[in-house]
Structures are given as C-alpha cells and as structure tokens.
C-alpha cells in the first residue's frame, strides 16, 4: 500500500510559477483602509469630476 501524500501549504500554481505569496506575511504596521472608505472615495472623485466638467466645459 502506498503511503498517503503529504500536503504542502502553498503548493500549486503560485509556487510552481515562482510567485511570492505576499498575503501570508501581512505586516502589523501596514496602513489599513476600510473597504467602504475606498468605495466612498471613488464615488466622491466621480462626483467631483462630473461637477468640474459641468462648470468648466472643455469644448
């Protein structure tokens, strides 16, 4: 009977391609932003651009 296969953590496409798994080494000092804040900043930037295009037309 063959011995059971040992599973390697991270084995697969990423390790086979030589890519580094950055999410395994998350730093405690990293700058963290709430995902809702990112969405809110995107919406705010869109509103600002639309308003600028309305008040300062280019053509």
N, C-alpha and C. Protein backbone atom coordinates (compact mmCIF):
# COMPACT_ATOMS: atom_id res chain seq x y z
N UNK A 1 0.84 -1.18 0.00
CA UNK A 1 0.00 0.00 0.00
C UNK A 1 0.88 1.24 0.00
N UNK A 2 0.54 2.22 -0.82
CA UNK A 2 1.33 3.44 -0.95
C UNK A 2 1.08 4.35 0.25
N UNK A 3 2.14 5.04 0.70
CA UNK A 3 1.95 5.98 1.83
C UNK A 3 1.09 7.16 1.39
N UNK A 4 0.32 7.75 2.32
CA UNK A 4 -0.52 8.89 1.97
C UNK A 4 0.33 10.09 1.56
N UNK A 5 -0.20 10.88 0.64
CA UNK A 5 0.51 12.07 0.17
C UNK A 5 0.51 13.13 1.25
N UNK A 6 1.63 13.79 1.39
CA UNK A 6 1.72 14.89 2.34
C UNK A 6 1.36 16.18 1.62
N UNK A 7 0.48 16.94 2.21
CA UNK A 7 0.08 18.20 1.56
C UNK A 7 1.05 19.30 1.94
N UNK A 8 1.43 20.06 0.95
CA UNK A 8 2.32 21.20 1.18
C UNK A 8 1.49 22.46 1.17
N UNK A 9 1.70 23.32 2.15
CA UNK A 9 0.98 24.58 2.18
C UNK A 9 1.53 25.47 1.08
N UNK A 10 0.63 25.97 0.21
CA UNK A 10 1.05 26.86 -0.85
C UNK A 10 1.48 26.15 -2.11
N UNK A 11 1.44 24.84 -2.11
CA UNK A 11 1.82 24.13 -3.33
C UNK A 11 0.72 24.33 -4.36
N UNK A 12 1.11 24.50 -5.57
CA UNK A 12 0.13 24.70 -6.63
C UNK A 12 0.65 25.67 -7.66
N UNK A 13 -0.27 26.34 -8.32
CA UNK A 13 0.09 27.21 -9.43
C UNK A 13 1.04 28.32 -9.00
N UNK A 14 0.75 28.98 -7.87
CA UNK A 14 1.57 30.12 -7.45
C UNK A 14 3.01 29.70 -7.16
N UNK A 15 3.17 28.62 -6.42
CA UNK A 15 4.53 28.20 -6.11
C UNK A 15 5.22 27.60 -7.33
N UNK A 16 4.45 26.95 -8.20
CA UNK A 16 5.04 26.38 -9.40
C UNK A 16 5.51 27.48 -10.35
N UNK A 17 4.80 28.61 -10.36
CA UNK A 17 5.17 29.71 -11.24
C UNK A 17 6.27 30.58 -10.62
N UNK A 18 6.62 30.32 -9.38
CA UNK A 18 7.66 31.10 -8.72
C UNK A 18 7.16 32.42 -8.17
N UNK A 19 5.84 32.55 -7.98
CA UNK A 19 5.29 33.79 -7.45
C UNK A 19 5.33 33.78 -5.93
N UNK A 20 5.49 34.93 -5.36
CA UNK A 20 5.59 35.05 -3.91
C UNK A 20 4.20 35.26 -3.34
N UNK A 21 3.90 34.61 -2.25
CA UNK A 21 2.59 34.76 -1.62
C UNK A 21 2.70 35.84 -0.54
N UNK A 22 2.39 37.08 -0.92
CA UNK A 22 2.53 38.20 -0.01
C UNK A 22 1.51 38.16 1.12
N UNK A 23 0.34 37.59 0.88
CA UNK A 23 -0.70 37.64 1.89
C UNK A 23 -0.38 36.76 3.09
N UNK A 24 0.59 35.88 2.99
CA UNK A 24 0.99 35.07 4.14
C UNK A 24 1.79 35.88 5.15
N UNK A 25 2.46 36.91 4.69
CA UNK A 25 3.32 37.71 5.56
C UNK A 25 2.75 39.11 5.72
N UNK A 26 1.53 39.20 6.21
CA UNK A 26 0.91 40.51 6.40
C UNK A 26 1.54 41.21 7.60
N UNK A 27 1.91 42.45 7.41
CA UNK A 27 2.57 43.19 8.47
C UNK A 27 1.56 43.81 9.42
N UNK A 28 1.95 43.93 10.65
CA UNK A 28 1.09 44.56 11.65
C UNK A 28 1.10 46.08 11.51
N UNK A 29 2.16 46.63 10.93
CA UNK A 29 2.29 48.08 10.80
C UNK A 29 1.74 48.60 9.48
N UNK A 30 1.14 47.73 8.69
CA UNK A 30 0.64 48.14 7.38
C UNK A 30 -0.52 49.11 7.53
N UNK A 31 -0.62 50.04 6.58
CA UNK A 31 -1.69 51.02 6.56
C UNK A 31 -2.96 50.33 6.10
N UNK A 32 -4.00 50.34 6.92
CA UNK A 32 -5.23 49.63 6.60
C UNK A 32 -6.35 50.62 6.34
N UNK A 33 -7.08 50.41 5.24
CA UNK A 33 -8.20 51.26 4.87
C UNK A 33 -9.44 50.40 4.81
N UNK A 34 -10.53 50.89 5.36
CA UNK A 34 -11.80 50.19 5.31
C UNK A 34 -12.27 50.13 3.86
N UNK A 35 -12.74 48.98 3.40
CA UNK A 35 -13.19 48.87 2.00
C UNK A 35 -14.31 49.85 1.66
N UNK A 36 -15.18 50.16 2.59
CA UNK A 36 -16.25 51.12 2.33
C UNK A 36 -15.69 52.52 2.10
N UNK A 37 -14.58 52.84 2.75
CA UNK A 37 -13.95 54.14 2.55
C UNK A 37 -13.38 54.24 1.13
N UNK A 38 -12.85 53.15 0.61
CA UNK A 38 -12.32 53.15 -0.75
C UNK A 38 -13.45 53.38 -1.75
N UNK A 39 -14.59 52.71 -1.54
CA UNK A 39 -15.74 52.91 -2.42
C UNK A 39 -16.25 54.34 -2.32
N UNK A 40 -16.32 54.86 -1.11
CA UNK A 40 -16.79 56.23 -0.90
C UNK A 40 -15.86 57.24 -1.58
N UNK A 41 -14.55 57.03 -1.50
CA UNK A 41 -13.61 57.94 -2.15
C UNK A 41 -13.75 57.87 -3.68
N UNK A 42 -14.03 56.70 -4.22
CA UNK A 42 -14.24 56.57 -5.66
C UNK A 42 -15.49 57.32 -6.11
N UNK A 43 -16.56 57.19 -5.33
CA UNK A 43 -17.81 57.91 -5.66
C UNK A 43 -17.59 59.41 -5.55
N UNK A 44 -16.90 59.85 -4.50
CA UNK A 44 -16.63 61.28 -4.32
C UNK A 44 -15.78 61.83 -5.47
N UNK A 45 -14.79 61.08 -5.91
CA UNK A 45 -13.95 61.52 -7.03
C UNK A 45 -14.78 61.63 -8.31
N UNK A 46 -15.71 60.69 -8.51
CA UNK A 46 -16.57 60.73 -9.68
C UNK A 46 -17.46 61.96 -9.66
N UNK A 47 -18.03 62.28 -8.50
CA UNK A 47 -18.90 63.45 -8.37
C UNK A 47 -18.11 64.73 -8.64
N UNK A 48 -16.90 64.81 -8.11
CA UNK A 48 -16.06 66.00 -8.33
C UNK A 48 -15.75 66.16 -9.81
N UNK A 49 -15.42 65.08 -10.49
CA UNK A 49 -15.10 65.17 -11.92
C UNK A 49 -16.31 65.59 -12.73
N UNK A 50 -17.47 65.04 -12.43
CA UNK A 50 -18.69 65.41 -13.15
C UNK A 50 -19.02 66.88 -12.91
N UNK A 51 -18.88 67.35 -11.69
CA UNK A 51 -19.15 68.76 -11.39
C UNK A 51 -18.16 69.68 -12.09
N UNK A 52 -16.89 69.31 -12.12
CA UNK A 52 -15.89 70.12 -12.81
C UNK A 52 -16.15 70.18 -14.31
N UNK A 53 -16.58 69.06 -14.89
CA UNK A 53 -16.89 69.06 -16.31
C UNK A 53 -18.14 69.90 -16.59
N UNK A 54 -19.05 69.96 -15.65
CA UNK A 54 -20.26 70.77 -15.82
C UNK A 54 -19.95 72.27 -15.74
N UNK A 55 -19.15 72.67 -14.78
CA UNK A 55 -18.85 74.10 -14.57
C UNK A 55 -17.72 74.60 -15.46
N UNK A 56 -16.84 73.73 -15.91
CA UNK A 56 -15.72 74.11 -16.78
C UNK A 56 -15.69 73.23 -18.02
N UNK A 57 -16.60 73.44 -18.95
CA UNK A 57 -16.64 72.61 -20.17
C UNK A 57 -15.36 72.81 -21.00
N UNK A 58 -14.93 71.75 -21.66
CA UNK A 58 -13.69 71.81 -22.44
C UNK A 58 -13.90 72.22 -23.88
N UNK A 59 -15.11 72.13 -24.38
CA UNK A 59 -15.31 72.47 -25.79
C UNK A 59 -16.33 73.56 -25.97
